[in-house]
Amino acid sequence: MERPTPGGNRASRGFTLIELLVVMAIIATLMTLVTPQYFRQHTKAKETVLRHNLTSIRQSLDQYREDHGNNPGSLQDLVNRRYLREIPLDPITGKRDTWQLQTADEQGLGDVRSGASGEGNDGTPYADW
């Protein structure tokens, strides 16, 4: 005849409420440590895409100027002449029509800046990029 262990047969009872609460508290603590880092990396990735898109537009502007001897009238001219496949997305605003177009001393489009409000991780406003 088997003798029951003190406290009964624990394996058949499952987890106690206290054990579940301790595990949930550990998971919550880990989440509070991980979540801010995740959002920082997400913002950093958006900023990297923004810098890349600005570089692509500016290179296309330079190529257009070299080929045609003047500035394009708009970003759509760069698309129509196949310097760009499409107008790039501003990843901060999530739109393609928020680019701030700056005219050159001559006629036409001279430069492009982000239309996003706020500052990047380096402290500079997106509008100055």
Protein backbone atom coordinates (compact mmCIF):
# COMPACT_ATOMS: atom_id res chain seq x y z
CA MET A 1 0.00 0.00 0.00
CA GLU A 2 1.41 3.41 -1.00
CA ARG A 3 1.55 6.15 1.48
CA PRO A 4 0.38 9.59 0.34
CA THR A 5 3.00 12.30 0.48
CA PRO A 6 2.45 15.15 2.89
CA GLY A 7 0.21 17.75 1.30
CA GLY A 8 -1.46 15.27 -1.02
CA ASN A 9 -0.54 14.29 -4.55
CA ARG A 10 0.64 17.67 -5.90
CA ALA A 11 1.18 16.52 -9.51
CA SER A 12 -2.53 15.93 -10.05
CA ARG A 13 -3.63 19.29 -8.62
CA GLY A 14 -2.00 21.61 -11.17
CA PHE A 15 -0.69 25.11 -10.42
CA THR A 16 -1.81 27.20 -7.50
CA LEU A 17 -3.09 30.73 -7.91
CA ILE A 18 0.04 32.10 -6.25
CA GLU A 19 2.31 30.30 -8.73
CA LEU A 20 0.34 31.69 -11.67
CA LEU A 21 0.45 35.21 -10.24
CA VAL A 22 4.22 34.98 -9.75
CA VAL A 23 4.72 33.86 -13.35
CA MET A 24 2.47 36.66 -14.62
CA ALA A 25 4.40 39.21 -12.54
CA ILE A 26 7.69 37.99 -14.01
CA ILE A 27 6.32 38.25 -17.56
CA ALA A 28 4.96 41.75 -16.87
CA THR A 29 8.34 42.86 -15.51
CA LEU A 30 10.15 41.53 -18.56
CA MET A 31 7.67 43.28 -20.86
CA THR A 32 8.27 46.64 -19.16
CA LEU A 33 11.97 46.20 -19.86
CA VAL A 34 11.61 45.10 -23.50
CA THR A 35 8.77 47.29 -24.81
CA PRO A 36 10.55 50.70 -24.69
CA GLN A 37 13.55 49.24 -26.53
CA TYR A 38 11.22 47.86 -29.22
CA PHE A 39 9.62 51.25 -29.84
CA ARG A 40 13.02 52.98 -29.96
CA GLN A 41 14.18 50.53 -32.62
CA HIS A 42 10.93 51.01 -34.55
CA THR A 43 11.45 54.79 -34.60
CA LYS A 44 15.10 54.36 -35.56
CA ALA A 45 14.10 52.15 -38.51
CA LYS A 46 11.61 54.79 -39.73
CA GLU A 47 14.30 57.46 -39.51
CA THR A 48 16.70 55.30 -41.52
CA VAL A 49 14.08 54.85 -44.25
CA LEU A 50 13.40 58.61 -44.24
CA ARG A 51 17.09 59.40 -44.73
CA HIS A 52 17.31 56.83 -47.55
CA ASN A 53 14.22 58.22 -49.30
CA LEU A 54 15.54 61.78 -49.06
CA THR A 55 18.87 60.66 -50.50
CA SER A 56 17.11 58.90 -53.39
CA ILE A 57 15.01 61.95 -54.23
CA ARG A 58 18.03 64.26 -54.07
CA GLN A 59 20.11 61.96 -56.30
CA SER A 60 17.24 61.88 -58.79
CA LEU A 61 17.07 65.68 -58.73
CA ASP A 62 20.80 65.89 -59.43
CA GLN A 63 20.54 63.41 -62.32
CA TYR A 64 17.60 65.32 -63.79
CA ARG A 65 19.57 68.58 -63.64
CA GLU A 66 22.57 66.97 -65.33
CA ASP A 67 20.45 65.49 -68.12
CA HIS A 68 18.14 68.43 -68.79
CA GLY A 69 20.07 71.49 -67.63
CA ASN A 70 17.21 72.73 -65.43
CA ASN A 71 15.18 71.74 -62.40
CA PRO A 72 12.05 69.59 -62.57
CA GLY A 73 8.76 71.32 -61.85
CA SER A 74 7.61 68.72 -59.31
CA LEU A 75 8.31 65.27 -57.92
CA GLN A 76 5.82 63.89 -60.41
CA ASP A 77 8.14 65.07 -63.23
CA LEU A 78 10.83 62.77 -61.79
CA VAL A 79 8.37 59.88 -61.91
CA ASN A 80 7.13 60.73 -65.42
CA ARG A 81 10.69 60.86 -66.76
CA ARG A 82 11.54 57.63 -64.89
CA TYR A 83 14.11 59.03 -62.49
CA LEU A 84 11.92 57.55 -59.75
CA ARG A 85 9.48 54.63 -59.99
CA GLU A 86 7.06 56.41 -57.69
CA ILE A 87 7.08 59.26 -55.23
CA PRO A 88 8.64 57.78 -52.08
CA LEU A 89 6.70 57.44 -48.87
CA ASP A 90 7.60 59.65 -45.94
CA PRO A 91 7.72 56.92 -43.27
CA ILE A 92 7.19 59.33 -40.38
CA THR A 93 3.93 60.76 -41.75
CA GLY A 94 2.98 57.62 -43.68
CA LYS A 95 2.07 59.67 -46.77
CA ARG A 96 3.55 60.51 -50.15
CA ASP A 97 2.20 64.05 -50.38
CA THR A 98 3.73 65.60 -47.25
CA TRP A 99 7.17 66.32 -48.73
CA GLN A 100 8.13 69.98 -48.37
CA LEU A 101 9.26 71.14 -51.80
CA GLN A 102 11.78 73.96 -51.91
CA THR A 103 12.16 75.99 -55.06
CA ALA A 104 15.59 76.75 -56.43
CA ASP A 105 16.99 80.19 -57.26
CA GLU A 106 16.09 79.33 -60.82
CA GLN A 107 12.68 77.93 -61.63
CA GLY A 108 11.61 74.51 -60.51
CA LEU A 109 12.23 72.16 -57.66
CA GLY A 110 15.52 72.71 -55.85
CA ASP A 111 15.34 70.44 -52.80
CA VAL A 112 12.99 68.27 -50.77
CA ARG A 113 12.57 68.02 -47.01
CA SER A 114 10.36 65.90 -44.80
CA GLY A 115 6.98 67.32 -43.87
CA ALA A 116 6.91 65.42 -40.59
CA SER A 117 6.64 67.32 -37.35
CA GLY A 118 8.82 66.45 -34.39
CA GLU A 119 12.46 65.62 -33.92
CA GLY A 120 14.63 62.64 -34.70
CA ASN A 121 16.60 60.63 -32.17
CA ASP A 122 19.57 62.95 -32.77
CA GLY A 123 17.51 66.00 -31.67
CA THR A 124 17.23 67.67 -35.08
CA PRO A 125 13.79 68.42 -36.51
CA TYR A 126 12.67 66.17 -39.35
CA ALA A 127 11.98 69.29 -41.39
CA ASP A 128 15.72 70.09 -41.40
CA TRP A 129 16.80 66.74 -42.88
